[in-house]
Amino acid sequence: ALVPGVVVKGEKILLDPKKQFLCRESLNG
């Protein structure tokens, strides 16, 4: 990474729900 990342300690993983995952459904069409 060009910018040092910030490590967040916690039980939950923060994900962007608006960003599509790389899967068969997202790549279809």
PDB file of all heavy atoms in Angstrom:
ATOM      1  N   ALA A   1       0.839  -1.204   0.000  1.00  0.00           N
ATOM      2  CA  ALA A   1       0.000   0.000   0.000  1.00  0.00           C
ATOM      3  C   ALA A   1       0.868   1.246   0.000  1.00  0.00           C
ATOM      4  O   ALA A   1       1.913   1.300   0.647  1.00  0.00           O
ATOM      5  CB  ALA A   1      -0.913   0.001   1.214  1.00  0.00           C
ATOM      6  N   LEU A   2       0.437   2.238  -0.786  1.00  0.00           N
ATOM      7  CA  LEU A   2       1.198   3.495  -0.821  1.00  0.00           C
ATOM      8  C   LEU A   2       1.029   4.314   0.457  1.00  0.00           C
ATOM      9  O   LEU A   2       1.922   5.073   0.854  1.00  0.00           O
ATOM     10  CB  LEU A   2       0.743   4.317  -2.040  1.00  0.00           C
ATOM     11  CG  LEU A   2       0.975   3.661  -3.402  1.00  0.00           C
ATOM     12  CD1 LEU A   2       0.458   4.567  -4.503  1.00  0.00           C
ATOM     13  CD2 LEU A   2       2.453   3.355  -3.594  1.00  0.00           C
ATOM     14  N   VAL A   3      -0.137   4.161   1.063  1.00  0.00           N
ATOM     15  CA  VAL A   3      -0.417   4.894   2.306  1.00  0.00           C
ATOM     16  C   VAL A   3      -0.503   3.880   3.429  1.00  0.00           C
ATOM     17  O   VAL A   3      -1.190   2.867   3.287  1.00  0.00           O
ATOM     18  CB  VAL A   3      -1.728   5.691   2.191  1.00  0.00           C
ATOM     19  CG1 VAL A   3      -2.018   6.444   3.496  1.00  0.00           C
ATOM     20  CG2 VAL A   3      -1.651   6.660   1.016  1.00  0.00           C
ATOM     21  N   PRO A   4       0.191   4.107   4.508  1.00  0.00           N
ATOM     22  CA  PRO A   4       0.104   3.146   5.628  1.00  0.00           C
ATOM     23  C   PRO A   4      -1.322   2.965   6.086  1.00  0.00           C
ATOM     24  O   PRO A   4      -2.093   3.912   6.219  1.00  0.00           O
ATOM     25  CB  PRO A   4       0.975   3.793   6.704  1.00  0.00           C
ATOM     26  CG  PRO A   4       1.879   4.711   5.966  1.00  0.00           C
ATOM     27  CD  PRO A   4       1.096   5.214   4.792  1.00  0.00           C
ATOM     28  N   GLY A   5      -1.663   1.722   6.232  1.00  0.00           N
ATOM     29  CA  GLY A   5      -3.018   1.419   6.641  1.00  0.00           C
ATOM     30  C   GLY A   5      -3.189   1.522   8.146  1.00  0.00           C
ATOM     31  O   GLY A   5      -2.233   1.539   8.911  1.00  0.00           O
ATOM     32  N   VAL A   6      -4.425   1.619   8.521  1.00  0.00           N
ATOM     33  CA  VAL A   6      -4.777   1.714   9.939  1.00  0.00           C
ATOM     34  C   VAL A   6      -5.378   0.398  10.371  1.00  0.00           C
ATOM     35  O   VAL A   6      -6.318  -0.087   9.733  1.00  0.00           O
ATOM     36  CB  VAL A   6      -5.759   2.860  10.190  1.00  0.00           C
ATOM     37  CG1 VAL A   6      -6.138   2.915  11.666  1.00  0.00           C
ATOM     38  CG2 VAL A   6      -5.146   4.167   9.727  1.00  0.00           C
ATOM     39  N   VAL A   7      -4.812  -0.180  11.379  1.00  0.00           N
ATOM     40  CA  VAL A   7      -5.309  -1.460  11.886  1.00  0.00           C
ATOM     41  C   VAL A   7      -6.353  -1.192  12.943  1.00  0.00           C
ATOM     42  O   VAL A   7      -6.093  -0.463  13.917  1.00  0.00           O
ATOM     43  CB  VAL A   7      -4.161  -2.311  12.458  1.00  0.00           C
ATOM     44  CG1 VAL A   7      -4.707  -3.610  13.020  1.00  0.00           C
ATOM     45  CG2 VAL A   7      -3.107  -2.528  11.396  1.00  0.00           C
ATOM     46  N   VAL A   8      -7.516  -1.730  12.731  1.00  0.00           N
ATOM     47  CA  VAL A   8      -8.626  -1.555  13.666  1.00  0.00           C
ATOM     48  C   VAL A   8      -8.855  -2.869  14.367  1.00  0.00           C
ATOM     49  O   VAL A   8      -9.086  -3.895  13.691  1.00  0.00           O
ATOM     50  CB  VAL A   8      -9.892  -1.083  12.948  1.00  0.00           C
ATOM     51  CG1 VAL A   8     -11.044  -0.912  13.956  1.00  0.00           C
ATOM     52  CG2 VAL A   8      -9.624   0.221  12.216  1.00  0.00           C
ATOM     53  N   LYS A   9      -8.775  -2.835  15.625  1.00  0.00           N
ATOM     54  CA  LYS A   9      -9.025  -4.031  16.395  1.00  0.00           C
ATOM     55  C   LYS A   9     -10.491  -4.095  16.795  1.00  0.00           C
ATOM     56  O   LYS A   9     -11.040  -3.134  17.311  1.00  0.00           O
ATOM     57  CB  LYS A   9      -8.155  -4.039  17.648  1.00  0.00           C
ATOM     58  CG  LYS A   9      -6.668  -4.169  17.350  1.00  0.00           C
ATOM     59  CD  LYS A   9      -5.865  -4.227  18.623  1.00  0.00           C
ATOM     60  CE  LYS A   9      -4.374  -4.371  18.329  1.00  0.00           C
ATOM     61  NZ  LYS A   9      -3.565  -4.452  19.575  1.00  0.00           N
ATOM     62  N   GLY A  10     -11.078  -5.196  16.482  1.00  0.00           N
ATOM     63  CA  GLY A  10     -12.470  -5.366  16.842  1.00  0.00           C
ATOM     64  C   GLY A  10     -12.996  -6.699  16.358  1.00  0.00           C
ATOM     65  O   GLY A  10     -12.362  -7.397  15.559  1.00  0.00           O
ATOM     66  N   GLU A  11     -14.138  -7.070  16.804  1.00  0.00           N
ATOM     67  CA  GLU A  11     -14.725  -8.340  16.414  1.00  0.00           C
ATOM     68  C   GLU A  11     -15.413  -8.249  15.067  1.00  0.00           C
ATOM     69  O   GLU A  11     -15.573  -9.248  14.383  1.00  0.00           O
ATOM     70  CB  GLU A  11     -15.730  -8.788  17.483  1.00  0.00           C
ATOM     71  CG  GLU A  11     -15.083  -9.059  18.836  1.00  0.00           C
ATOM     72  CD  GLU A  11     -16.089  -9.505  19.858  1.00  0.00           C
ATOM     73  OE1 GLU A  11     -17.299  -9.511  19.499  1.00  0.00           O
ATOM     74  OE2 GLU A  11     -15.700  -9.853  20.982  1.00  0.00           O
ATOM     75  N   LYS A  12     -15.862  -7.045  14.649  1.00  0.00           N
ATOM     76  CA  LYS A  12     -16.579  -6.885  13.397  1.00  0.00           C
ATOM     77  C   LYS A  12     -15.652  -6.366  12.306  1.00  0.00           C
ATOM     78  O   LYS A  12     -14.743  -5.602  12.577  1.00  0.00           O
ATOM     79  CB  LYS A  12     -17.769  -5.936  13.579  1.00  0.00           C
ATOM     80  CG  LYS A  12     -18.843  -6.441  14.521  1.00  0.00           C
ATOM     81  CD  LYS A  12     -19.996  -5.477  14.605  1.00  0.00           C
ATOM     82  CE  LYS A  12     -21.071  -5.979  15.542  1.00  0.00           C
ATOM     83  NZ  LYS A  12     -22.235  -5.027  15.619  1.00  0.00           N
ATOM     84  N   ILE A  13     -15.916  -6.805  11.088  1.00  0.00           N
ATOM     85  CA  ILE A  13     -15.137  -6.347   9.930  1.00  0.00           C
ATOM     86  C   ILE A  13     -15.968  -5.319   9.188  1.00  0.00           C
ATOM     87  O   ILE A  13     -17.130  -5.571   8.836  1.00  0.00           O
ATOM     88  CB  ILE A  13     -14.780  -7.517   8.996  1.00  0.00           C
ATOM     89  CG1 ILE A  13     -13.952  -8.549   9.763  1.00  0.00           C
ATOM     90  CG2 ILE A  13     -14.040  -7.030   7.776  1.00  0.00           C
ATOM     91  CD1 ILE A  13     -13.625  -9.770   8.967  1.00  0.00           C
ATOM     92  N   LEU A  14     -15.379  -4.142   8.980  1.00  0.00           N
ATOM     93  CA  LEU A  14     -16.106  -3.080   8.310  1.00  0.00           C
ATOM     94  C   LEU A  14     -16.036  -3.292   6.802  1.00  0.00           C
ATOM     95  O   LEU A  14     -14.952  -3.352   6.225  1.00  0.00           O
ATOM     96  CB  LEU A  14     -15.501  -1.716   8.693  1.00  0.00           C
ATOM     97  CG  LEU A  14     -15.554  -1.372  10.179  1.00  0.00           C
ATOM     98  CD1 LEU A  14     -14.881  -0.023  10.428  1.00  0.00           C
ATOM     99  CD2 LEU A  14     -16.995  -1.356  10.686  1.00  0.00           C
ATOM    100  N   LEU A  15     -17.154  -3.406   6.162  1.00  0.00           N
ATOM    101  CA  LEU A  15     -17.233  -3.600   4.715  1.00  0.00           C
ATOM    102  C   LEU A  15     -18.109  -2.515   4.119  1.00  0.00           C
ATOM    103  O   LEU A  15     -19.049  -2.028   4.766  1.00  0.00           O
ATOM    104  CB  LEU A  15     -17.820  -4.974   4.366  1.00  0.00           C
ATOM    105  CG  LEU A  15     -17.023  -6.192   4.831  1.00  0.00           C
ATOM    106  CD1 LEU A  15     -17.770  -7.473   4.480  1.00  0.00           C
ATOM    107  CD2 LEU A  15     -15.629  -6.198   4.190  1.00  0.00           C
ATOM    108  N   ASP A  16     -17.788  -2.179   2.870  1.00  0.00           N
ATOM    109  CA  ASP A  16     -18.597  -1.196   2.153  1.00  0.00           C
ATOM    110  C   ASP A  16     -19.734  -1.931   1.459  1.00  0.00           C
ATOM    111  O   ASP A  16     -19.508  -2.673   0.484  1.00  0.00           O
ATOM    112  CB  ASP A  16     -17.737  -0.446   1.135  1.00  0.00           C
ATOM    113  CG  ASP A  16     -18.505   0.703   0.484  1.00  0.00           C
ATOM    114  OD1 ASP A  16     -19.670   0.918   0.870  1.00  0.00           O
ATOM    115  OD2 ASP A  16     -17.916   1.359  -0.411  1.00  0.00           O
ATOM    116  N   PRO A  17     -20.944  -1.794   1.913  1.00  0.00           N
ATOM    117  CA  PRO A  17     -22.062  -2.551   1.283  1.00  0.00           C
ATOM    118  C   PRO A  17     -22.388  -2.092  -0.129  1.00  0.00           C
ATOM    119  O   PRO A  17     -23.032  -2.803  -0.876  1.00  0.00           O
ATOM    120  CB  PRO A  17     -23.225  -2.284   2.236  1.00  0.00           C
ATOM    121  CG  PRO A  17     -22.893  -0.983   2.893  1.00  0.00           C
ATOM    122  CD  PRO A  17     -21.402  -0.936   3.024  1.00  0.00           C
ATOM    123  N   LYS A  18     -21.945  -0.886  -0.503  1.00  0.00           N
ATOM    124  CA  LYS A  18     -22.229  -0.412  -1.853  1.00  0.00           C
ATOM    125  C   LYS A  18     -21.266  -0.985  -2.900  1.00  0.00           C
ATOM    126  O   LYS A  18     -21.524  -0.901  -4.085  1.00  0.00           O
ATOM    127  CB  LYS A  18     -22.168   1.116  -1.874  1.00  0.00           C
ATOM    128  CG  LYS A  18     -23.214   1.790  -0.994  1.00  0.00           C
ATOM    129  CD  LYS A  18     -23.120   3.287  -1.106  1.00  0.00           C
ATOM    130  CE  LYS A  18     -24.166   3.981  -0.241  1.00  0.00           C
ATOM    131  NZ  LYS A  18     -24.103   5.467  -0.350  1.00  0.00           N
ATOM    132  N   LYS A  19     -20.139  -1.452  -2.420  1.00  0.00           N
ATOM    133  CA  LYS A  19     -19.134  -1.981  -3.354  1.00  0.00           C
ATOM    134  C   LYS A  19     -19.448  -3.448  -3.658  1.00  0.00           C
ATOM    135  O   LYS A  19     -19.647  -4.254  -2.741  1.00  0.00           O
ATOM    136  CB  LYS A  19     -17.750  -1.848  -2.739  1.00  0.00           C
ATOM    137  CG  LYS A  19     -16.644  -2.258  -3.701  1.00  0.00           C
ATOM    138  CD  LYS A  19     -15.283  -2.020  -3.070  1.00  0.00           C
ATOM    139  CE  LYS A  19     -14.162  -2.407  -4.017  1.00  0.00           C
ATOM    140  NZ  LYS A  19     -12.831  -2.182  -3.429  1.00  0.00           N
ATOM    141  N   GLN A  20     -19.486  -3.790  -4.969  1.00  0.00           N
ATOM    142  CA  GLN A  20     -19.818  -5.150  -5.390  1.00  0.00           C
ATOM    143  C   GLN A  20     -18.635  -6.080  -5.169  1.00  0.00           C
ATOM    144  O   GLN A  20     -17.478  -5.700  -5.352  1.00  0.00           O
ATOM    145  CB  GLN A  20     -20.237  -5.177  -6.854  1.00  0.00           C
ATOM    146  CG  GLN A  20     -21.513  -4.415  -7.132  1.00  0.00           C
ATOM    147  CD  GLN A  20     -21.901  -4.524  -8.583  1.00  0.00           C
ATOM    148  OE1 GLN A  20     -21.150  -5.063  -9.391  1.00  0.00           O
ATOM    149  NE2 GLN A  20     -23.083  -4.011  -8.914  1.00  0.00           N
ATOM    150  N   PHE A  21     -18.972  -7.293  -4.798  1.00  0.00           N
ATOM    151  CA  PHE A  21     -17.938  -8.313  -4.642  1.00  0.00           C
ATOM    152  C   PHE A  21     -17.593  -8.913  -6.011  1.00  0.00           C
ATOM    153  O   PHE A  21     -18.411  -8.925  -6.940  1.00  0.00           O
ATOM    154  CB  PHE A  21     -18.413  -9.417  -3.694  1.00  0.00           C
ATOM    155  CG  PHE A  21     -18.626  -8.935  -2.289  1.00  0.00           C
ATOM    156  CD1 PHE A  21     -19.902  -8.609  -1.843  1.00  0.00           C
ATOM    157  CD2 PHE A  21     -17.553  -8.784  -1.424  1.00  0.00           C
ATOM    158  CE1 PHE A  21     -20.097  -8.154  -0.549  1.00  0.00           C
ATOM    159  CE2 PHE A  21     -17.752  -8.330  -0.134  1.00  0.00           C
ATOM    160  CZ  PHE A  21     -19.019  -8.005   0.316  1.00  0.00           C
ATOM    161  N   LEU A  22     -16.389  -9.403  -6.108  1.00  0.00           N
ATOM    162  CA  LEU A  22     -15.973 -10.110  -7.338  1.00  0.00           C
ATOM    163  C   LEU A  22     -16.497 -11.537  -7.291  1.00  0.00           C
ATOM    164  O   LEU A  22     -15.880 -12.431  -6.696  1.00  0.00           O
ATOM    165  CB  LEU A  22     -14.445 -10.101  -7.467  1.00  0.00           C
ATOM    166  CG  LEU A  22     -13.807  -8.725  -7.658  1.00  0.00           C
ATOM    167  CD1 LEU A  22     -12.297  -8.847  -7.731  1.00  0.00           C
ATOM    168  CD2 LEU A  22     -14.344  -8.073  -8.923  1.00  0.00           C
ATOM    169  N   CYS A  23     -17.633 -11.726  -7.859  1.00  0.00           N
ATOM    170  CA  CYS A  23     -18.257 -13.061  -7.870  1.00  0.00           C
ATOM    171  C   CYS A  23     -18.939 -13.275  -9.212  1.00  0.00           C
ATOM    172  O   CYS A  23     -18.939 -12.420 -10.093  1.00  0.00           O
ATOM    173  CB  CYS A  23     -19.261 -13.193  -6.716  1.00  0.00           C
ATOM    174  SG  CYS A  23     -20.598 -11.983  -6.796  1.00  0.00           S
ATOM    175  N   ARG A  24     -19.546 -14.441  -9.381  1.00  0.00           N
ATOM    176  CA  ARG A  24     -20.196 -14.770 -10.648  1.00  0.00           C
ATOM    177  C   ARG A  24     -21.367 -13.859 -10.944  1.00  0.00           C
ATOM    178  O   ARG A  24     -21.599 -13.445 -12.073  1.00  0.00           O
ATOM    179  CB  ARG A  24     -20.646 -16.230 -10.626  1.00  0.00           C
ATOM    180  CG  ARG A  24     -21.311 -16.704 -11.913  1.00  0.00           C
ATOM    181  CD  ARG A  24     -21.673 -18.166 -11.829  1.00  0.00           C
ATOM    182  NE  ARG A  24     -22.648 -18.388 -10.751  1.00  0.00           N
ATOM    183  CZ  ARG A  24     -23.104 -19.582 -10.407  1.00  0.00           C
ATOM    184  NH1 ARG A  24     -22.633 -20.655 -11.030  1.00  0.00           N
ATOM    185  NH2 ARG A  24     -23.981 -19.704  -9.444  1.00  0.00           N
ATOM    186  N   GLU A  25     -22.116 -13.516  -9.901  1.00  0.00           N
ATOM    187  CA  GLU A  25     -23.276 -12.664 -10.125  1.00  0.00           C
ATOM    188  C   GLU A  25     -22.868 -11.254 -10.513  1.00  0.00           C
ATOM    189  O   GLU A  25     -23.511 -10.601 -11.348  1.00  0.00           O
ATOM    190  CB  GLU A  25     -24.154 -12.626  -8.865  1.00  0.00           C
ATOM    191  CG  GLU A  25     -24.931 -13.916  -8.603  1.00  0.00           C
ATOM    192  CD  GLU A  25     -24.039 -15.015  -8.054  1.00  0.00           C
ATOM    193  OE1 GLU A  25     -22.878 -14.700  -7.717  1.00  0.00           O
ATOM    194  OE2 GLU A  25     -24.493 -16.166  -7.975  1.00  0.00           O
ATOM    195  N   SER A  26     -21.790 -10.727  -9.911  1.00  0.00           N
ATOM    196  CA  SER A  26     -21.372  -9.360 -10.215  1.00  0.00           C
ATOM    197  C   SER A  26     -20.737  -9.247 -11.596  1.00  0.00           C
ATOM    198  O   SER A  26     -20.809  -8.200 -12.233  1.00  0.00           O
ATOM    199  CB  SER A  26     -20.382  -8.877  -9.149  1.00  0.00           C
ATOM    200  OG  SER A  26     -19.212  -9.683  -9.160  1.00  0.00           O
ATOM    201  N   LEU A  27     -20.098 -10.322 -12.047  1.00  0.00           N
ATOM    202  CA  LEU A  27     -19.446 -10.300 -13.367  1.00  0.00           C
ATOM    203  C   LEU A  27     -20.362 -10.747 -14.485  1.00  0.00           C
ATOM    204  O   LEU A  27     -19.983 -10.674 -15.661  1.00  0.00           O
ATOM    205  CB  LEU A  27     -18.209 -11.206 -13.347  1.00  0.00           C
ATOM    206  CG  LEU A  27     -17.073 -10.762 -12.425  1.00  0.00           C
ATOM    207  CD1 LEU A  27     -15.948 -11.783 -12.451  1.00  0.00           C
ATOM    208  CD2 LEU A  27     -16.552  -9.403 -12.847  1.00  0.00           C
ATOM    209  N   ASN A  28     -21.533 -11.246 -14.164  1.00  0.00           N
ATOM    210  CA  ASN A  28     -22.446 -11.732 -15.185  1.00  0.00           C
ATOM    211  C   ASN A  28     -22.935 -10.589 -16.060  1.00  0.00           C
ATOM    212  O   ASN A  28     -23.417  -9.572 -15.555  1.00  0.00           O
ATOM    213  CB  ASN A  28     -23.615 -12.449 -14.527  1.00  0.00           C
ATOM    214  CG  ASN A  28     -24.531 -13.088 -15.569  1.00  0.00           C
ATOM    215  OD1 ASN A  28     -24.090 -13.377 -16.677  1.00  0.00           O
ATOM    216  ND2 ASN A  28     -25.777 -13.279 -15.202  1.00  0.00           N
ATOM    217  N   GLY A  29     -22.805 -10.717 -17.378  1.00  0.00           N
ATOM    218  CA  GLY A  29     -23.262  -9.716 -18.319  1.00  0.00           C
ATOM    219  C   GLY A  29     -22.282  -8.613 -18.580  1.00  0.00           C
ATOM    220  O   GLY A  29     -22.545  -7.729 -19.397  1.00  0.00           O
TER     221      GLY A  29
END
